Amino acid sequence: MWPDRPLRWRQRRSRRGDAGFVTAETAVALPALVLLGVLLVWAVLAAAAQLRCVDAARVGARAAARGEADAAGVARAAAPAGAAVLVDLAPDTVRVTVDAPYGAPGRFAEVLAVRLSATAVAAREDTLPGAEGGAGPWPG
């Protein structure tokens, strides 16, 4: 091809045609990596909100099992913002369900909206069989 030119110069000349590909690949890959990072952060935050729902249901069930009057308020205080708390009393158990909406900020709120839910069941302590006024012998 160019017999009078050194080999290094010829190799450099053939590599010059690929100079723009790295820029184009980065321009395509970088937004995809940023979007993936945002989705991963959102998933971690959604998992943390789910754990708050589980904890709120557990705390509410323990409060209701002890006979506290405002067990739903206790659960609501531990739940994520906007959570709905339902306390269901049975003769020997109590069931607390916490439902909370969770969405992404901005335009992705509708696309990434999920409904988080947790339920906890506890045995009622205020109606133990054989215990008058809750002051019976322990263990029975």
C-alpha atoms as a PDB file:
ATOM      1  CA  MET A   1       0.000   0.000   0.000  1.00  0.00           C
ATOM      2  CA  TRP A   2       2.511   2.618   1.185  1.00  0.00           C
ATOM      3  CA  PRO A   3       5.839   0.898   0.995  1.00  0.00           C
ATOM      4  CA  ASP A   4       7.804   4.010   1.899  1.00  0.00           C
ATOM      5  CA  ARG A   5       5.829   4.660   5.132  1.00  0.00           C
ATOM      6  CA  PRO A   6       6.668   2.945   8.424  1.00  0.00           C
ATOM      7  CA  LEU A   7       4.392   0.161   9.662  1.00  0.00           C
ATOM      8  CA  ARG A   8       3.307   2.115  12.779  1.00  0.00           C
ATOM      9  CA  TRP A   9       1.994   4.985  10.704  1.00  0.00           C
ATOM     10  CA  ARG A  10      -0.021   2.603   8.527  1.00  0.00           C
ATOM     11  CA  GLN A  11      -1.576   0.947  11.626  1.00  0.00           C
ATOM     12  CA  ARG A  12      -2.479   4.332  13.103  1.00  0.00           C
ATOM     13  CA  ARG A  13      -4.058   5.369   9.848  1.00  0.00           C
ATOM     14  CA  SER A  14      -6.288   2.262   9.746  1.00  0.00           C
ATOM     15  CA  ARG A  15      -7.488   2.831  13.343  1.00  0.00           C
ATOM     16  CA  ARG A  16      -8.607   6.400  12.698  1.00  0.00           C
ATOM     17  CA  GLY A  17     -11.818   5.215  11.057  1.00  0.00           C
ATOM     18  CA  ASP A  18     -13.079   3.746  14.380  1.00  0.00           C
ATOM     19  CA  ALA A  19     -12.551   6.908  16.426  1.00  0.00           C
ATOM     20  CA  GLY A  20     -16.239   7.932  16.628  1.00  0.00           C
ATOM     21  CA  PHE A  21     -17.655   4.544  17.603  1.00  0.00           C
ATOM     22  CA  VAL A  22     -16.678   4.786  21.262  1.00  0.00           C
ATOM     23  CA  THR A  23     -18.464   8.113  21.597  1.00  0.00           C
ATOM     24  CA  ALA A  24     -21.594   6.775  19.924  1.00  0.00           C
ATOM     25  CA  GLU A  25     -21.635   3.630  22.060  1.00  0.00           C
ATOM     26  CA  THR A  26     -21.211   5.688  25.225  1.00  0.00           C
ATOM     27  CA  ALA A  27     -24.007   8.040  24.168  1.00  0.00           C
ATOM     28  CA  VAL A  28     -26.338   5.058  23.792  1.00  0.00           C
ATOM     29  CA  ALA A  29     -25.210   3.074  26.847  1.00  0.00           C
ATOM     30  CA  LEU A  30     -24.951   5.879  29.406  1.00  0.00           C
ATOM     31  CA  PRO A  31     -28.686   6.768  29.538  1.00  0.00           C
ATOM     32  CA  ALA A  32     -29.521   3.069  29.797  1.00  0.00           C
ATOM     33  CA  LEU A  33     -27.135   2.675  32.740  1.00  0.00           C
ATOM     34  CA  VAL A  34     -28.563   5.752  34.458  1.00  0.00           C
ATOM     35  CA  LEU A  35     -32.106   4.411  34.008  1.00  0.00           C
ATOM     36  CA  LEU A  36     -31.038   1.038  35.394  1.00  0.00           C
ATOM     37  CA  GLY A  37     -29.476   2.752  38.412  1.00  0.00           C
ATOM     38  CA  VAL A  38     -32.641   4.772  39.057  1.00  0.00           C
ATOM     39  CA  LEU A  39     -34.785   1.634  38.833  1.00  0.00           C
ATOM     40  CA  LEU A  40     -32.515  -0.200  41.273  1.00  0.00           C
ATOM     41  CA  VAL A  41     -32.705   2.658  43.775  1.00  0.00           C
ATOM     42  CA  TRP A  42     -36.506   2.733  43.402  1.00  0.00           C
ATOM     43  CA  ALA A  43     -36.678  -1.031  44.012  1.00  0.00           C
ATOM     44  CA  VAL A  44     -34.594  -0.724  47.192  1.00  0.00           C
ATOM     45  CA  LEU A  45     -36.807   2.110  48.457  1.00  0.00           C
ATOM     46  CA  ALA A  46     -39.957   0.102  47.638  1.00  0.00           C
ATOM     47  CA  ALA A  47     -38.548  -2.872  49.573  1.00  0.00           C
ATOM     48  CA  ALA A  48     -37.848  -0.572  52.531  1.00  0.00           C
ATOM     49  CA  ALA A  49     -41.434   0.708  52.409  1.00  0.00           C
ATOM     50  CA  GLN A  50     -42.679  -2.901  52.337  1.00  0.00           C
ATOM     51  CA  LEU A  51     -40.643  -3.622  55.461  1.00  0.00           C
ATOM     52  CA  ARG A  52     -42.221  -0.575  57.124  1.00  0.00           C
ATOM     53  CA  CYS A  53     -45.657  -2.021  56.281  1.00  0.00           C
ATOM     54  CA  VAL A  54     -44.680  -5.358  57.843  1.00  0.00           C
ATOM     55  CA  ASP A  55     -43.374  -3.626  60.967  1.00  0.00           C
ATOM     56  CA  ALA A  56     -46.486  -1.446  61.218  1.00  0.00           C
ATOM     57  CA  ALA A  57     -48.791  -4.468  60.970  1.00  0.00           C
ATOM     58  CA  ARG A  58     -46.770  -6.275  63.628  1.00  0.00           C
ATOM     59  CA  VAL A  59     -46.763  -3.299  66.005  1.00  0.00           C
ATOM     60  CA  GLY A  60     -50.490  -2.755  65.474  1.00  0.00           C
ATOM     61  CA  ALA A  61     -51.291  -6.420  66.085  1.00  0.00           C
ATOM     62  CA  ARG A  62     -49.285  -6.437  69.319  1.00  0.00           C
ATOM     63  CA  ALA A  63     -51.030  -3.258  70.510  1.00  0.00           C
ATOM     64  CA  ALA A  64     -54.474  -4.630  69.658  1.00  0.00           C
ATOM     65  CA  ALA A  65     -53.665  -7.984  71.296  1.00  0.00           C
ATOM     66  CA  ARG A  66     -52.821  -6.163  74.532  1.00  0.00           C
ATOM     67  CA  GLY A  67     -56.166  -4.392  74.356  1.00  0.00           C
ATOM     68  CA  GLU A  68     -54.967  -0.879  73.555  1.00  0.00           C
ATOM     69  CA  ALA A  69     -57.755   1.376  72.323  1.00  0.00           C
ATOM     70  CA  ASP A  70     -55.769   3.108  69.554  1.00  0.00           C
ATOM     71  CA  ALA A  71     -54.003   0.135  67.942  1.00  0.00           C
ATOM     72  CA  ALA A  72     -54.820   1.478  64.473  1.00  0.00           C
ATOM     73  CA  GLY A  73     -53.165   4.787  65.333  1.00  0.00           C
ATOM     74  CA  VAL A  74     -50.062   2.992  66.591  1.00  0.00           C
ATOM     75  CA  ALA A  75     -49.863   1.034  63.336  1.00  0.00           C
ATOM     76  CA  ARG A  76     -50.518   4.148  61.249  1.00  0.00           C
ATOM     77  CA  ALA A  77     -47.654   5.975  62.980  1.00  0.00           C
ATOM     78  CA  ALA A  78     -45.213   3.201  61.997  1.00  0.00           C
ATOM     79  CA  ALA A  79     -46.572   2.787  58.448  1.00  0.00           C
ATOM     80  CA  PRO A  80     -45.471   4.683  55.317  1.00  0.00           C
ATOM     81  CA  ALA A  81     -47.302   7.887  54.427  1.00  0.00           C
ATOM     82  CA  GLY A  82     -50.809   7.390  53.066  1.00  0.00           C
ATOM     83  CA  ALA A  83     -51.231   3.899  54.513  1.00  0.00           C
ATOM     84  CA  ALA A  84     -54.639   2.478  55.382  1.00  0.00           C
ATOM     85  CA  VAL A  85     -54.851   0.338  58.525  1.00  0.00           C
ATOM     86  CA  LEU A  86     -57.590  -2.202  59.191  1.00  0.00           C
ATOM     87  CA  VAL A  87     -57.927  -3.860  62.604  1.00  0.00           C
ATOM     88  CA  ASP A  88     -60.101  -6.983  62.714  1.00  0.00           C
ATOM     89  CA  LEU A  89     -60.921  -8.323  66.181  1.00  0.00           C
ATOM     90  CA  ALA A  90     -61.975 -11.955  66.595  1.00  0.00           C
ATOM     91  CA  PRO A  91     -62.832 -13.673  69.901  1.00  0.00           C
ATOM     92  CA  ASP A  92     -59.313 -15.081  70.341  1.00  0.00           C
ATOM     93  CA  THR A  93     -57.148 -13.315  67.726  1.00  0.00           C
ATOM     94  CA  VAL A  94     -56.587  -9.924  66.200  1.00  0.00           C
ATOM     95  CA  ARG A  95     -55.610  -9.276  62.582  1.00  0.00           C
ATOM     96  CA  VAL A  96     -54.070  -5.996  61.400  1.00  0.00           C
ATOM     97  CA  THR A  97     -53.705  -5.243  57.693  1.00  0.00           C
ATOM     98  CA  VAL A  98     -51.667  -2.318  56.394  1.00  0.00           C
ATOM     99  CA  ASP A  99     -52.064  -1.192  52.755  1.00  0.00           C
ATOM    100  CA  ALA A 100     -49.947   1.614  51.348  1.00  0.00           C
ATOM    101  CA  PRO A 101     -49.470   3.060  47.863  1.00  0.00           C
ATOM    102  CA  TYR A 102     -45.933   3.517  46.627  1.00  0.00           C
ATOM    103  CA  GLY A 103     -44.925   5.245  43.425  1.00  0.00           C
ATOM    104  CA  ALA A 104     -41.914   6.832  41.838  1.00  0.00           C
ATOM    105  CA  PRO A 105     -41.472  10.592  41.755  1.00  0.00           C
ATOM    106  CA  GLY A 106     -42.269  12.641  38.683  1.00  0.00           C
ATOM    107  CA  ARG A 107     -43.573  11.239  35.426  1.00  0.00           C
ATOM    108  CA  PHE A 108     -42.783   7.646  36.394  1.00  0.00           C
ATOM    109  CA  ALA A 109     -45.345   7.682  39.240  1.00  0.00           C
ATOM    110  CA  GLU A 110     -48.074   6.056  37.156  1.00  0.00           C
ATOM    111  CA  VAL A 111     -45.792   3.503  35.537  1.00  0.00           C
ATOM    112  CA  LEU A 112     -44.003   2.380  38.698  1.00  0.00           C
ATOM    113  CA  ALA A 113     -46.929   2.612  41.134  1.00  0.00           C
ATOM    114  CA  VAL A 114     -47.295  -0.462  43.336  1.00  0.00           C
ATOM    115  CA  ARG A 115     -49.556  -1.329  46.235  1.00  0.00           C
ATOM    116  CA  LEU A 116     -47.739  -2.565  49.340  1.00  0.00           C
ATOM    117  CA  SER A 117     -49.556  -4.720  51.855  1.00  0.00           C
ATOM    118  CA  ALA A 118     -48.788  -6.620  55.039  1.00  0.00           C
ATOM    119  CA  THR A 119     -50.890  -8.562  57.537  1.00  0.00           C
ATOM    120  CA  ALA A 120     -50.090  -9.637  61.079  1.00  0.00           C
ATOM    121  CA  VAL A 121     -52.096 -11.886  63.393  1.00  0.00           C
ATOM    122  CA  ALA A 122     -51.697 -12.087  67.156  1.00  0.00           C
ATOM    123  CA  ALA A 123     -53.465 -13.945  69.949  1.00  0.00           C
ATOM    124  CA  ARG A 124     -55.531 -11.660  72.152  1.00  0.00           C
ATOM    125  CA  GLU A 125     -54.043 -11.217  75.593  1.00  0.00           C
ATOM    126  CA  ASP A 126     -56.995  -9.385  77.103  1.00  0.00           C
ATOM    127  CA  THR A 127     -59.270 -12.441  76.775  1.00  0.00           C
ATOM    128  CA  LEU A 128     -57.064 -15.294  77.963  1.00  0.00           C
ATOM    129  CA  PRO A 129     -59.159 -18.300  79.023  1.00  0.00           C
ATOM    130  CA  GLY A 130     -59.186 -18.913  82.768  1.00  0.00           C
ATOM    131  CA  ALA A 131     -57.777 -15.495  83.639  1.00  0.00           C
ATOM    132  CA  GLU A 132     -60.189 -13.199  85.462  1.00  0.00           C
ATOM    133  CA  GLY A 133     -59.285  -9.620  84.671  1.00  0.00           C
ATOM    134  CA  GLY A 134     -56.037 -10.680  83.080  1.00  0.00           C
ATOM    135  CA  ALA A 135     -54.452 -11.492  86.459  1.00  0.00           C
ATOM    136  CA  GLY A 136     -54.613 -15.277  86.358  1.00  0.00           C
ATOM    137  CA  PRO A 137     -51.761 -17.581  87.322  1.00  0.00           C
ATOM    138  CA  TRP A 138     -48.909 -17.858  84.911  1.00  0.00           C
ATOM    139  CA  PRO A 139     -48.006 -20.307  83.467  1.00  0.00           C
ATOM    140  CA  GLY A 140     -51.365 -21.998  83.473  1.00  0.00           C
END
